[in-house]
């Protein structure tokens, strides 16, 4: 089965709409910092960057505390933790997963008689 990139994007857009996975993008972000209220995305990014850099520096300067915490954790959990293996997925598995939500959507449309507008404009 051949499907163009445009058709794939449209299909995923329909799936997201029907499953409620489309999240509206925030119109305006705002955070409070030592410098006051920040609304500019670049200023917000810089504030987060500075915050996390300071955390790393504090951890580095207090490395003895980190070592103590690690030793405590090792004593609390003496057993070795199992290693999680990542198994690559196959094309068939991906196709089956995509077919599953599509099948659900089509059956739901047939059962309820409600069809997304995008399904009504099929290209033949």
PDB file of N, CA and C in Angstrom:
ATOM      1  N   UNK A   1       0.846  -1.174   0.000  1.00  0.00           N
ATOM      2  CA  UNK A   1       0.000   0.000   0.000  1.00  0.00           C
ATOM      3  C   UNK A   1       0.892   1.238   0.000  1.00  0.00           C
ATOM      4  N   UNK A   2       0.710   2.088  -0.985  1.00  0.00           N
ATOM      5  CA  UNK A   2       1.524   3.288  -1.102  1.00  0.00           C
ATOM      6  C   UNK A   2       0.722   4.470  -0.604  1.00  0.00           C
ATOM      7  N   UNK A   3       1.366   5.316   0.168  1.00  0.00           N
ATOM      8  CA  UNK A   3       0.680   6.477   0.719  1.00  0.00           C
ATOM      9  C   UNK A   3       1.647   7.654   0.676  1.00  0.00           C
ATOM     10  N   UNK A   4       1.168   8.785   0.151  1.00  0.00           N
ATOM     11  CA  UNK A   4       2.049   9.943   0.070  1.00  0.00           C
ATOM     12  C   UNK A   4       2.219  10.576   1.439  1.00  0.00           C
ATOM     13  N   UNK A   5       3.253  11.388   1.561  1.00  0.00           N
ATOM     14  CA  UNK A   5       3.527  12.092   2.809  1.00  0.00           C
ATOM     15  C   UNK A   5       2.341  12.978   3.184  1.00  0.00           C
ATOM     16  N   UNK A   6       1.744  13.624   2.193  1.00  0.00           N
ATOM     17  CA  UNK A   6       0.587  14.490   2.437  1.00  0.00           C
ATOM     18  C   UNK A   6      -0.568  13.686   3.033  1.00  0.00           C
ATOM     19  N   UNK A   7      -0.824  12.509   2.465  1.00  0.00           N
ATOM     20  CA  UNK A   7      -1.904  11.660   2.972  1.00  0.00           C
ATOM     21  C   UNK A   7      -1.607  11.181   4.389  1.00  0.00           C
ATOM     22  N   UNK A   8      -0.331  10.864   4.654  1.00  0.00           N
ATOM     23  CA  UNK A   8       0.036  10.403   5.986  1.00  0.00           C
ATOM     24  C   UNK A   8      -0.177  11.516   7.010  1.00  0.00           C
ATOM     25  N   UNK A   9       0.237  12.754   6.668  1.00  0.00           N
ATOM     26  CA  UNK A   9       0.059  13.880   7.579  1.00  0.00           C
ATOM     27  C   UNK A   9      -1.419  14.134   7.824  1.00  0.00           C
ATOM     28  N   UNK A  10      -2.217  14.064   6.763  1.00  0.00           N
ATOM     29  CA  UNK A  10      -3.661  14.265   6.908  1.00  0.00           C
ATOM     30  C   UNK A  10      -4.267  13.188   7.786  1.00  0.00           C
ATOM     31  N   UNK A  11      -3.832  11.954   7.589  1.00  0.00           N
ATOM     32  CA  UNK A  11      -4.349  10.840   8.396  1.00  0.00           C
ATOM     33  C   UNK A  11      -4.021  11.045   9.867  1.00  0.00           C
ATOM     34  N   UNK A  12      -2.766  11.397  10.166  1.00  0.00           N
ATOM     35  CA  UNK A  12      -2.389  11.608  11.569  1.00  0.00           C
ATOM     36  C   UNK A  12      -3.110  12.813  12.157  1.00  0.00           C
ATOM     37  N   UNK A  13      -3.356  13.816  11.361  1.00  0.00           N
ATOM     38  CA  UNK A  13      -4.098  14.978  11.839  1.00  0.00           C
ATOM     39  C   UNK A  13      -5.522  14.578  12.213  1.00  0.00           C
ATOM     40  N   UNK A  14      -6.143  13.741  11.387  1.00  0.00           N
ATOM     41  CA  UNK A  14      -7.496  13.259  11.674  1.00  0.00           C
ATOM     42  C   UNK A  14      -7.496  12.420  12.944  1.00  0.00           C
ATOM     43  N   UNK A  15      -6.505  11.543  13.077  1.00  0.00           N
ATOM     44  CA  UNK A  15      -6.414  10.688  14.269  1.00  0.00           C
ATOM     45  C   UNK A  15      -6.274  11.554  15.520  1.00  0.00           C
ATOM     46  N   UNK A  16      -5.423  12.561  15.463  1.00  0.00           N
ATOM     47  CA  UNK A  16      -5.236  13.437  16.617  1.00  0.00           C
ATOM     48  C   UNK A  16      -6.510  14.189  16.949  1.00  0.00           C
ATOM     49  N   UNK A  17      -7.218  14.674  15.915  1.00  0.00           N
ATOM     50  CA  UNK A  17      -8.471  15.392  16.153  1.00  0.00           C
ATOM     51  C   UNK A  17      -9.502  14.491  16.822  1.00  0.00           C
ATOM     52  N   UNK A  18      -9.652  13.284  16.301  1.00  0.00           N
ATOM     53  CA  UNK A  18     -10.688  12.386  16.801  1.00  0.00           C
ATOM     54  C   UNK A  18     -10.370  11.805  18.173  1.00  0.00           C
ATOM     55  N   UNK A  19      -9.092  11.671  18.484  1.00  0.00           N
ATOM     56  CA  UNK A  19      -8.722  11.113  19.784  1.00  0.00           C
ATOM     57  C   UNK A  19      -8.477  12.196  20.822  1.00  0.00           C
ATOM     58  N   UNK A  20      -8.635  13.449  20.416  1.00  0.00           N
ATOM     59  CA  UNK A  20      -8.448  14.555  21.358  1.00  0.00           C
ATOM     60  C   UNK A  20      -6.996  14.811  21.704  1.00  0.00           C
ATOM     61  N   UNK A  21      -6.091  14.375  20.851  1.00  0.00           N
ATOM     62  CA  UNK A  21      -4.661  14.531  21.147  1.00  0.00           C
ATOM     63  C   UNK A  21      -4.110  15.874  20.679  1.00  0.00           C
ATOM     64  N   UNK A  22      -4.889  16.622  19.897  1.00  0.00           N
ATOM     65  CA  UNK A  22      -4.403  17.936  19.463  1.00  0.00           C
ATOM     66  C   UNK A  22      -4.473  18.890  20.640  1.00  0.00           C
ATOM     67  N   UNK A  23      -3.357  19.404  21.020  1.00  0.00           N
ATOM     68  CA  UNK A  23      -3.276  20.340  22.129  1.00  0.00           C
ATOM     69  C   UNK A  23      -3.127  21.742  21.572  1.00  0.00           C
ATOM     70  N   UNK A  24      -3.948  22.673  22.043  1.00  0.00           N
ATOM     71  CA  UNK A  24      -3.766  24.041  21.558  1.00  0.00           C
ATOM     72  C   UNK A  24      -2.423  24.586  22.040  1.00  0.00           C
ATOM     73  N   UNK A  25      -1.786  25.329  21.180  1.00  0.00           N
ATOM     74  CA  UNK A  25      -0.513  25.913  21.570  1.00  0.00           C
ATOM     75  C   UNK A  25      -0.784  27.112  22.467  1.00  0.00           C
ATOM     76  N   UNK A  26       0.018  27.262  23.501  1.00  0.00           N
ATOM     77  CA  UNK A  26      -0.224  28.387  24.405  1.00  0.00           C
ATOM     78  C   UNK A  26      -0.039  29.706  23.657  1.00  0.00           C
ATOM     79  N   UNK A  27      -0.943  30.620  23.903  1.00  0.00           N
ATOM     80  CA  UNK A  27      -0.863  31.891  23.196  1.00  0.00           C
ATOM     81  C   UNK A  27       0.210  32.783  23.794  1.00  0.00           C
ATOM     82  N   UNK A  28       0.356  32.743  25.119  1.00  0.00           N
ATOM     83  CA  UNK A  28       1.364  33.568  25.748  1.00  0.00           C
ATOM     84  C   UNK A  28       1.852  32.877  27.012  1.00  0.00           C
ATOM     85  N   UNK A  29       3.169  32.788  27.142  1.00  0.00           N
ATOM     86  CA  UNK A  29       3.744  32.165  28.319  1.00  0.00           C
ATOM     87  C   UNK A  29       4.307  33.261  29.212  1.00  0.00           C
ATOM     88  N   UNK A  30       4.245  32.990  30.508  1.00  0.00           N
ATOM     89  CA  UNK A  30       4.712  33.982  31.475  1.00  0.00           C
ATOM     90  C   UNK A  30       5.284  33.251  32.679  1.00  0.00           C
ATOM     91  N   UNK A  31       6.474  33.688  33.146  1.00  0.00           N
ATOM     92  CA  UNK A  31       7.034  33.124  34.374  1.00  0.00           C
ATOM     93  C   UNK A  31       7.549  34.264  35.239  1.00  0.00           C
ATOM     94  N   UNK A  32       7.606  33.988  36.517  1.00  0.00           N
ATOM     95  CA  UNK A  32       8.171  34.959  37.456  1.00  0.00           C
ATOM     96  C   UNK A  32       9.596  34.533  37.791  1.00  0.00           C
ATOM     97  N   UNK A  33      10.497  35.481  37.751  1.00  0.00           N
ATOM     98  CA  UNK A  33      11.885  35.185  38.069  1.00  0.00           C
ATOM     99  C   UNK A  33      12.413  36.277  38.984  1.00  0.00           C
ATOM    100  N   UNK A  34      13.685  36.145  39.336  1.00  0.00           N
ATOM    101  CA  UNK A  34      14.307  37.172  40.170  1.00  0.00           C
ATOM    102  C   UNK A  34      14.292  38.534  39.469  1.00  0.00           C
ATOM    103  N   UNK A  35      14.295  38.508  38.143  1.00  0.00           N
ATOM    104  CA  UNK A  35      14.295  39.752  37.367  1.00  0.00           C
ATOM    105  C   UNK A  35      12.884  40.306  37.195  1.00  0.00           C
ATOM    106  N   UNK A  36      11.878  39.599  37.687  1.00  0.00           N
ATOM    107  CA  UNK A  36      10.491  40.038  37.533  1.00  0.00           C
ATOM    108  C   UNK A  36       9.723  39.083  36.646  1.00  0.00           C
ATOM    109  N   UNK A  37       8.589  39.520  36.127  1.00  0.00           N
ATOM    110  CA  UNK A  37       7.759  38.689  35.264  1.00  0.00           C
ATOM    111  C   UNK A  37       8.316  38.718  33.850  1.00  0.00           C
ATOM    112  N   UNK A  38       8.555  37.522  33.296  1.00  0.00           N
ATOM    113  CA  UNK A  38       9.104  37.408  31.945  1.00  0.00           C
ATOM    114  C   UNK A  38       8.025  36.908  31.007  1.00  0.00           C
ATOM    115  N   UNK A  39       7.886  37.538  29.841  1.00  0.00           N
ATOM    116  CA  UNK A  39       6.905  37.109  28.845  1.00  0.00           C
ATOM    117  C   UNK A  39       7.544  36.820  27.493  1.00  0.00           C
ATOM    118  N   UNK A  40       8.736  37.329  27.262  1.00  0.00           N
ATOM    119  CA  UNK A  40       9.443  37.087  26.014  1.00  0.00           C
ATOM    120  C   UNK A  40      10.026  35.677  26.027  1.00  0.00           C
ATOM    121  N   UNK A  41       9.768  34.904  24.968  1.00  0.00           N
ATOM    122  CA  UNK A  41      10.218  33.504  24.920  1.00  0.00           C
ATOM    123  C   UNK A  41      11.727  33.373  25.087  1.00  0.00           C
ATOM    124  N   UNK A  42      12.497  34.285  24.492  1.00  0.00           N
ATOM    125  CA  UNK A  42      13.960  34.211  24.637  1.00  0.00           C
ATOM    126  C   UNK A  42      14.384  34.468  26.082  1.00  0.00           C
ATOM    127  N   UNK A  43      13.742  35.436  26.734  1.00  0.00           N
ATOM    128  CA  UNK A  43      14.068  35.725  28.136  1.00  0.00           C
ATOM    129  C   UNK A  43      13.703  34.545  29.028  1.00  0.00           C
ATOM    130  N   UNK A  44      12.568  33.916  28.737  1.00  0.00           N
ATOM    131  CA  UNK A  44      12.138  32.746  29.514  1.00  0.00           C
ATOM    132  C   UNK A  44      13.138  31.607  29.336  1.00  0.00           C
ATOM    133  N   UNK A  45      13.568  31.379  28.094  1.00  0.00           N
ATOM    134  CA  UNK A  45      14.549  30.316  27.825  1.00  0.00           C
ATOM    135  C   UNK A  45      15.860  30.593  28.555  1.00  0.00           C
ATOM    136  N   UNK A  46      16.299  31.852  28.535  1.00  0.00           N
ATOM    137  CA  UNK A  46      17.531  32.213  29.232  1.00  0.00           C
ATOM    138  C   UNK A  46      17.392  32.003  30.740  1.00  0.00           C
ATOM    139  N   UNK A  47      16.213  32.332  31.295  1.00  0.00           N
ATOM    140  CA  UNK A  47      15.988  32.151  32.730  1.00  0.00           C
ATOM    141  C   UNK A  47      16.050  30.669  33.100  1.00  0.00           C
ATOM    142  N   UNK A  48      15.427  29.807  32.286  1.00  0.00           N
ATOM    143  CA  UNK A  48      15.486  28.367  32.547  1.00  0.00           C
ATOM    144  C   UNK A  48      16.920  27.870  32.436  1.00  0.00           C
ATOM    145  N   UNK A  49      17.613  28.314  31.415  1.00  0.00           N
ATOM    146  CA  UNK A  49      18.998  27.906  31.218  1.00  0.00           C
ATOM    147  C   UNK A  49      19.844  28.293  32.424  1.00  0.00           C
ATOM    148  N   UNK A  50      19.698  29.528  32.865  1.00  0.00           N
ATOM    149  CA  UNK A  50      20.460  30.008  34.022  1.00  0.00           C
ATOM    150  C   UNK A  50      20.117  29.200  35.271  1.00  0.00           C
ATOM    151  N   UNK A  51      18.827  28.905  35.459  1.00  0.00           N
ATOM    152  CA  UNK A  51      18.387  28.134  36.620  1.00  0.00           C
ATOM    153  C   UNK A  51      19.059  26.762  36.652  1.00  0.00           C
ATOM    154  N   UNK A  52      19.031  26.066  35.511  1.00  0.00           N
ATOM    155  CA  UNK A  52      19.590  24.719  35.489  1.00  0.00           C
ATOM    156  C   UNK A  52      21.113  24.729  35.562  1.00  0.00           C
ATOM    157  N   UNK A  53      21.743  25.743  35.012  1.00  0.00           N
ATOM    158  CA  UNK A  53      23.205  25.854  35.148  1.00  0.00           C
ATOM    159  C   UNK A  53      23.567  26.043  36.621  1.00  0.00           C
ATOM    160  N   UNK A  54      22.801  26.877  37.327  1.00  0.00           N
ATOM    161  CA  UNK A  54      23.069  27.096  38.751  1.00  0.00           C
ATOM    162  C   UNK A  54      22.880  25.816  39.558  1.00  0.00           C
ATOM    163  N   UNK A  55      21.873  25.024  39.215  1.00  0.00           N
ATOM    164  CA  UNK A  55      21.655  23.759  39.918  1.00  0.00           C
ATOM    165  C   UNK A  55      22.863  22.844  39.736  1.00  0.00           C
ATOM    166  N   UNK A  56      23.359  22.752  38.506  1.00  0.00           N
ATOM    167  CA  UNK A  56      24.520  21.901  38.224  1.00  0.00           C
ATOM    168  C   UNK A  56      25.733  22.394  38.997  1.00  0.00           C
ATOM    169  N   UNK A  57      25.931  23.707  39.019  1.00  0.00           N
ATOM    170  CA  UNK A  57      27.075  24.245  39.750  1.00  0.00           C
ATOM    171  C   UNK A  57      26.958  23.946  41.245  1.00  0.00           C
ATOM    172  N   UNK A  58      25.749  24.074  41.797  1.00  0.00           N
ATOM    173  CA  UNK A  58      25.561  23.767  43.217  1.00  0.00           C
ATOM    174  C   UNK A  58      25.833  22.297  43.494  1.00  0.00           C
ATOM    175  N   UNK A  59      25.351  21.415  42.628  1.00  0.00           N
ATOM    176  CA  UNK A  59      25.603  19.980  42.808  1.00  0.00           C
ATOM    177  C   UNK A  59      27.093  19.683  42.710  1.00  0.00           C
ATOM    178  N   UNK A  60      27.744  20.333  41.767  1.00  0.00           N
ATOM    179  CA  UNK A  60      29.177  20.120  41.596  1.00  0.00           C
ATOM    180  C   UNK A  60      29.939  20.599  42.836  1.00  0.00           C
ATOM    181  N   UNK A  61      29.559  21.761  43.353  1.00  0.00           N
ATOM    182  CA  UNK A  61      30.231  22.302  44.536  1.00  0.00           C
ATOM    183  C   UNK A  61      29.943  21.477  45.782  1.00  0.00           C
ATOM    184  N   UNK A  62      28.796  20.811  45.812  1.00  0.00           N
ATOM    185  CA  UNK A  62      28.427  19.982  46.961  1.00  0.00           C
ATOM    186  C   UNK A  62      28.511  18.510  46.596  1.00  0.00           C
ATOM    187  N   UNK A  63      29.534  18.145  45.838  1.00  0.00           N
ATOM    188  CA  UNK A  63      29.643  16.773  45.346  1.00  0.00           C
ATOM    189  C   UNK A  63      29.714  15.757  46.475  1.00  0.00           C
ATOM    190  N   UNK A  64      30.206  16.158  47.647  1.00  0.00           N
ATOM    191  CA  UNK A  64      30.265  15.208  48.753  1.00  0.00           C
ATOM    192  C   UNK A  64      28.851  14.815  49.173  1.00  0.00           C
ATOM    193  N   UNK A  65      27.882  15.754  49.111  1.00  0.00           N
ATOM    194  CA  UNK A  65      26.498  15.438  49.425  1.00  0.00           C
ATOM    195  C   UNK A  65      25.914  14.463  48.404  1.00  0.00           C
ATOM    196  N   UNK A  66      26.287  14.645  47.148  1.00  0.00           N
ATOM    197  CA  UNK A  66      25.807  13.753  46.094  1.00  0.00           C
ATOM    198  C   UNK A  66      26.350  12.352  46.325  1.00  0.00           C
ATOM    199  N   UNK A  67      27.621  12.253  46.664  1.00  0.00           N
ATOM    200  CA  UNK A  67      28.226  10.947  46.927  1.00  0.00           C
ATOM    201  C   UNK A  67      27.536  10.247  48.100  1.00  0.00           C
ATOM    202  N   UNK A  68      27.233  11.022  49.151  1.00  0.00           N
ATOM    203  CA  UNK A  68      26.536  10.439  50.301  1.00  0.00           C
ATOM    204  C   UNK A  68      25.165   9.918  49.891  1.00  0.00           C
ATOM    205  N   UNK A  69      24.459  10.688  49.070  1.00  0.00           N
ATOM    206  CA  UNK A  69      23.128  10.277  48.613  1.00  0.00           C
ATOM    207  C   UNK A  69      23.210   9.008  47.775  1.00  0.00           C
ATOM    208  N   UNK A  70      24.213   8.932  46.897  1.00  0.00           N
ATOM    209  CA  UNK A  70      24.383   7.733  46.073  1.00  0.00           C
ATOM    210  C   UNK A  70      24.703   6.510  46.921  1.00  0.00           C
ATOM    211  N   UNK A  71      25.560   6.666  47.924  1.00  0.00           N
ATOM    212  CA  UNK A  71      25.898   5.559  48.813  1.00  0.00           C
ATOM    213  C   UNK A  71      24.663   5.077  49.578  1.00  0.00           C
ATOM    214  N   UNK A  72      23.844   6.018  50.046  1.00  0.00           N
ATOM    215  CA  UNK A  72      22.614   5.675  50.760  1.00  0.00           C
ATOM    216  C   UNK A  72      21.668   4.894  49.857  1.00  0.00           C
ATOM    217  N   UNK A  73      21.539   5.337  48.610  1.00  0.00           N
ATOM    218  CA  UNK A  73      20.679   4.617  47.657  1.00  0.00           C
ATOM    219  C   UNK A  73      21.200   3.211  47.405  1.00  0.00           C
ATOM    220  N   UNK A  74      22.506   3.082  47.251  1.00  0.00           N
ATOM    221  CA  UNK A  74      23.092   1.761  47.004  1.00  0.00           C
ATOM    222  C   UNK A  74      22.864   0.827  48.189  1.00  0.00           C
ATOM    223  N   UNK A  75      22.933   1.372  49.407  1.00  0.00           N
ATOM    224  CA  UNK A  75      22.676   0.551  50.593  1.00  0.00           C
ATOM    225  C   UNK A  75      21.207   0.169  50.684  1.00  0.00           C
ATOM    226  N   UNK A  76      20.331   1.066  50.295  1.00  0.00           N
ATOM    227  CA  UNK A  76      18.888   0.816  50.364  1.00  0.00           C
ATOM    228  C   UNK A  76      18.439  -0.214  49.338  1.00  0.00           C
ATOM    229  N   UNK A  77      19.114  -0.253  48.213  1.00  0.00           N
ATOM    230  CA  UNK A  77      18.751  -1.179  47.129  1.00  0.00           C
ATOM    231  C   UNK A  77      19.978  -1.987  46.739  1.00  0.00           C
ATOM    232  N   UNK A  78      20.334  -2.982  47.559  1.00  0.00           N
ATOM    233  CA  UNK A  78      21.575  -3.715  47.294  1.00  0.00           C
ATOM    234  C   UNK A  78      21.511  -4.628  46.066  1.00  0.00           C
ATOM    235  N   UNK A  79      20.304  -5.070  45.689  1.00  0.00           N
ATOM    236  CA  UNK A  79      20.226  -5.967  44.534  1.00  0.00           C
ATOM    237  C   UNK A  79      20.529  -5.176  43.267  1.00  0.00           C
ATOM    238  N   UNK A  80      21.070  -5.869  42.315  1.00  0.00           N
ATOM    239  CA  UNK A  80      21.334  -5.190  41.043  1.00  0.00           C
ATOM    240  C   UNK A  80      20.020  -5.038  40.285  1.00  0.00           C
ATOM    241  N   UNK A  81      19.904  -3.944  39.609  1.00  0.00           N
ATOM    242  CA  UNK A  81      18.687  -3.692  38.846  1.00  0.00           C
ATOM    243  C   UNK A  81      18.806  -4.343  37.482  1.00  0.00           C
ATOM    244  N   UNK A  82      17.718  -4.937  37.012  1.00  0.00           N
ATOM    245  CA  UNK A  82      17.790  -5.575  35.697  1.00  0.00           C
ATOM    246  C   UNK A  82      18.001  -4.525  34.606  1.00  0.00           C
ATOM    247  N   UNK A  83      18.704  -4.935  33.585  1.00  0.00           N
ATOM    248  CA  UNK A  83      18.972  -4.048  32.466  1.00  0.00           C
ATOM    249  C   UNK A  83      17.807  -4.138  31.489  1.00  0.00           C
ATOM    250  N   UNK A  84      17.342  -2.980  31.063  1.00  0.00           N
ATOM    251  CA  UNK A  84      16.242  -2.958  30.105  1.00  0.00           C
ATOM    252  C   UNK A  84      16.823  -2.979  28.696  1.00  0.00           C
ATOM    253  N   UNK A  85      16.348  -3.916  27.899  1.00  0.00           N
ATOM    254  CA  UNK A  85      16.834  -4.020  26.528  1.00  0.00           C
ATOM    255  C   UNK A  85      15.836  -3.348  25.593  1.00  0.00           C
ATOM    256  N   UNK A  86      16.356  -2.591  24.661  1.00  0.00           N
ATOM    257  CA  UNK A  86      15.512  -1.963  23.658  1.00  0.00           C
ATOM    258  C   UNK A  86      15.497  -2.849  22.422  1.00  0.00           C
ATOM    259  N   UNK A  87      14.314  -3.274  22.063  1.00  0.00           N
ATOM    260  CA  UNK A  87      14.167  -4.140  20.898  1.00  0.00           C
ATOM    261  C   UNK A  87      13.604  -3.297  19.760  1.00  0.00           C
ATOM    262  N   UNK A  88      14.283  -3.268  18.625  1.00  0.00           N
ATOM    263  CA  UNK A  88      13.778  -2.467  17.513  1.00  0.00           C
ATOM    264  C   UNK A  88      12.423  -2.984  17.030  1.00  0.00           C
ATOM    265  N   UNK A  89      11.591  -2.063  16.582  1.00  0.00           N
ATOM    266  CA  UNK A  89      10.284  -2.459  16.059  1.00  0.00           C
ATOM    267  C   UNK A  89      10.409  -2.754  14.572  1.00  0.00           C
ATOM    268  N   UNK A  90       9.474  -3.536  14.087  1.00  0.00           N
ATOM    269  CA  UNK A  90       9.485  -3.890  12.665  1.00  0.00           C
ATOM    270  C   UNK A  90       8.459  -3.050  11.918  1.00  0.00           C
ATOM    271  N   UNK A  91       8.593  -3.024  10.592  1.00  0.00           N
ATOM    272  CA  UNK A  91       7.620  -2.315   9.757  1.00  0.00           C
ATOM    273  C   UNK A  91       6.225  -2.865   9.975  1.00  0.00           C
ATOM    274  N   UNK A  92       6.129  -4.162  10.125  1.00  0.00           N
ATOM    275  CA  UNK A  92       4.827  -4.794  10.324  1.00  0.00           C
ATOM    276  C   UNK A  92       4.182  -4.316  11.618  1.00  0.00           C
ATOM    277  N   UNK A  93       4.959  -4.212  12.695  1.00  0.00           N
ATOM    278  CA  UNK A  93       4.415  -3.734  13.965  1.00  0.00           C
ATOM    279  C   UNK A  93       3.906  -2.303  13.844  1.00  0.00           C
ATOM    280  N   UNK A  94       4.660  -1.459  13.159  1.00  0.00           N
ATOM    281  CA  UNK A  94       4.242  -0.062  12.983  1.00  0.00           C
ATOM    282  C   UNK A  94       2.951  -0.009  12.166  1.00  0.00           C
ATOM    283  N   UNK A  95       2.900  -0.767  11.066  1.00  0.00           N
ATOM    284  CA  UNK A  95       1.689  -0.791  10.233  1.00  0.00           C
ATOM    285  C   UNK A  95       0.492  -1.284  11.040  1.00  0.00           C
ATOM    286  N   UNK A  96       0.680  -2.324  11.849  1.00  0.00           N
ATOM    287  CA  UNK A  96      -0.419  -2.857  12.659  1.00  0.00           C
ATOM    288  C   UNK A  96      -0.939  -1.824  13.655  1.00  0.00           C
ATOM    289  N   UNK A  97      -0.027  -1.064  14.257  1.00  0.00           N
ATOM    290  CA  UNK A  97      -0.431  -0.033  15.220  1.00  0.00           C
ATOM    291  C   UNK A  97      -1.218   1.065  14.518  1.00  0.00           C
ATOM    292  N   UNK A  98      -0.754   1.476  13.331  1.00  0.00           N
ATOM    293  CA  UNK A  98      -1.469   2.515  12.581  1.00  0.00           C
ATOM    294  C   UNK A  98      -2.830   2.000  12.131  1.00  0.00           C
ATOM    295  N   UNK A  99      -2.872   0.760  11.665  1.00  0.00           N
ATOM    296  CA  UNK A  99      -4.150   0.189  11.207  1.00  0.00           C
ATOM    297  C   UNK A  99      -5.161   0.126  12.349  1.00  0.00           C
ATOM    298  N   UNK A 100      -4.669  -0.168  13.566  1.00  0.00           N
ATOM    299  CA  UNK A 100      -5.566  -0.308  14.707  1.00  0.00           C
ATOM    300  C   UNK A 100      -6.353   0.974  14.996  1.00  0.00           C
ATOM    301  N   UNK A 101      -5.668   2.182  15.140  1.00  0.00           N
ATOM    302  CA  UNK A 101      -6.479   3.389  15.373  1.00  0.00           C
ATOM    303  C   UNK A 101      -7.344   3.747  14.177  1.00  0.00           C
ATOM    304  N   UNK A 102      -6.829   3.483  12.956  1.00  0.00           N
ATOM    305  CA  UNK A 102      -7.649   3.788  11.782  1.00  0.00           C
ATOM    306  C   UNK A 102      -8.906   2.926  11.757  1.00  0.00           C
ATOM    307  N   UNK A 103      -8.752   1.650  12.064  1.00  0.00           N
ATOM    308  CA  UNK A 103      -9.895   0.747  12.107  1.00  0.00           C
ATOM    309  C   UNK A 103     -10.901   1.217  13.146  1.00  0.00           C
ATOM    310  N   UNK A 104     -10.410   1.606  14.313  1.00  0.00           N
ATOM    311  CA  UNK A 104     -11.292   2.106  15.373  1.00  0.00           C
ATOM    312  C   UNK A 104     -12.071   3.331  14.895  1.00  0.00           C
ATOM    313  N   UNK A 105     -11.374   4.266  14.244  1.00  0.00           N
ATOM    314  CA  UNK A 105     -12.028   5.493  13.769  1.00  0.00           C
ATOM    315  C   UNK A 105     -13.083   5.173  12.708  1.00  0.00           C
ATOM    316  N   UNK A 106     -12.748   4.315  11.742  1.00  0.00           N
ATOM    317  CA  UNK A 106     -13.708   3.971  10.701  1.00  0.00           C
ATOM    318  C   UNK A 106     -14.926   3.266  11.285  1.00  0.00           C
ATOM    319  N   UNK A 107     -14.700   2.322  12.197  1.00  0.00           N
ATOM    320  CA  UNK A 107     -15.829   1.616  12.809  1.00  0.00           C
ATOM    321  C   UNK A 107     -16.698   2.560  13.632  1.00  0.00           C
ATOM    322  N   UNK A 108     -16.064   3.483  14.343  1.00  0.00           N
ATOM    323  CA  UNK A 108     -16.809   4.464  15.122  1.00  0.00           C
ATOM    324  C   UNK A 108     -17.661   5.341  14.205  1.00  0.00           C
ATOM    325  N   UNK A 109     -17.100   5.746  13.074  1.00  0.00           N
ATOM    326  CA  UNK A 109     -17.853   6.547  12.109  1.00  0.00           C
ATOM    327  C   UNK A 109     -19.038   5.768  11.550  1.00  0.00           C
ATOM    328  N   UNK A 110     -18.808   4.505  11.201  1.00  0.00           N
ATOM    329  CA  UNK A 110     -19.893   3.684  10.669  1.00  0.00           C
ATOM    330  C   UNK A 110     -20.981   3.437  11.720  1.00  0.00           C
ATOM    331  N   UNK A 111     -20.563   3.215  12.956  1.00  0.00           N
ATOM    332  CA  UNK A 111     -21.515   2.925  14.031  1.00  0.00           C
ATOM    333  C   UNK A 111     -22.361   4.151  14.386  1.00  0.00           C
ATOM    334  N   UNK A 112     -21.737   5.324  14.412  1.00  0.00           N
ATOM    335  CA  UNK A 112     -22.452   6.524  14.840  1.00  0.00           C
ATOM    336  C   UNK A 112     -23.058   7.303  13.680  1.00  0.00           C
ATOM    337  N   UNK A 113     -22.580   7.029  12.453  1.00  0.00           N
ATOM    338  CA  UNK A 113     -23.063   7.784  11.297  1.00  0.00           C
ATOM    339  C   UNK A 113     -22.452   9.167  11.212  1.00  0.00           C
ATOM    340  N   UNK A 114     -21.418   9.404  12.001  1.00  0.00           N
ATOM    341  CA  UNK A 114     -20.740  10.703  11.992  1.00  0.00           C
ATOM    342  C   UNK A 114     -19.383  10.526  11.315  1.00  0.00           C
ATOM    343  N   UNK A 115     -19.172  11.309  10.265  1.00  0.00           N
ATOM    344  CA  UNK A 115     -17.936  11.197   9.507  1.00  0.00           C
ATOM    345  C   UNK A 115     -17.208  12.536   9.537  1.00  0.00           C
ATOM    346  N   UNK A 116     -15.916  12.532   9.834  1.00  0.00           N
ATOM    347  CA  UNK A 116     -15.146  13.785   9.799  1.00  0.00           C
ATOM    348  C   UNK A 116     -15.231  14.403   8.406  1.00  0.00           C
ATOM    349  N   UNK A 117     -15.263  15.721   8.364  1.00  0.00           N
ATOM    350  CA  UNK A 117     -15.349  16.417   7.078  1.00  0.00           C
ATOM    351  C   UNK A 117     -14.247  15.983   6.127  1.00  0.00           C
ATOM    352  N   UNK A 118     -13.070  15.711   6.671  1.00  0.00           N
ATOM    353  CA  UNK A 118     -11.950  15.319   5.797  1.00  0.00           C
ATOM    354  C   UNK A 118     -12.212  13.982   5.110  1.00  0.00           C
ATOM    355  N   UNK A 119     -13.023  13.112   5.725  1.00  0.00           N
ATOM    356  CA  UNK A 119     -13.352  11.832   5.111  1.00  0.00           C
ATOM    357  C   UNK A 119     -14.372  12.024   3.979  1.00  0.00           C
ATOM    358  N   UNK A 120     -15.108  13.099   3.996  1.00  0.00           N
ATOM    359  CA  UNK A 120     -16.169  13.342   3.010  1.00  0.00           C
ATOM    360  C   UNK A 120     -15.615  13.867   1.700  1.00  0.00           C
ATOM    361  N   UNK A 121     -14.376  14.295   1.688  1.00  0.00           N
ATOM    362  CA  UNK A 121     -13.759  14.850   0.493  1.00  0.00           C
ATOM    363  C   UNK A 121     -12.698  13.903  -0.045  1.00  0.00           C
ATOM    364  N   UNK A 122     -13.088  12.678  -0.240  1.00  0.00           N
ATOM    365  CA  UNK A 122     -12.114  11.670  -0.683  1.00  0.00           C
ATOM    366  C   UNK A 122     -11.683  11.927  -2.110  1.00  0.00           C
ATOM    367  N   UNK A 123     -10.397  11.724  -2.373  1.00  0.00           N
ATOM    368  CA  UNK A 123      -9.864  11.851  -3.707  1.00  0.00           C
ATOM    369  C   UNK A 123      -9.857  10.470  -4.330  1.00  0.00           C
ATOM    370  N   UNK A 124     -10.465  10.363  -5.483  1.00  0.00           N
ATOM    371  CA  UNK A 124     -10.556   9.061  -6.142  1.00  0.00           C
ATOM    372  C   UNK A 124      -9.605   9.001  -7.311  1.00  0.00           C
TER     373      UNK A 124
END
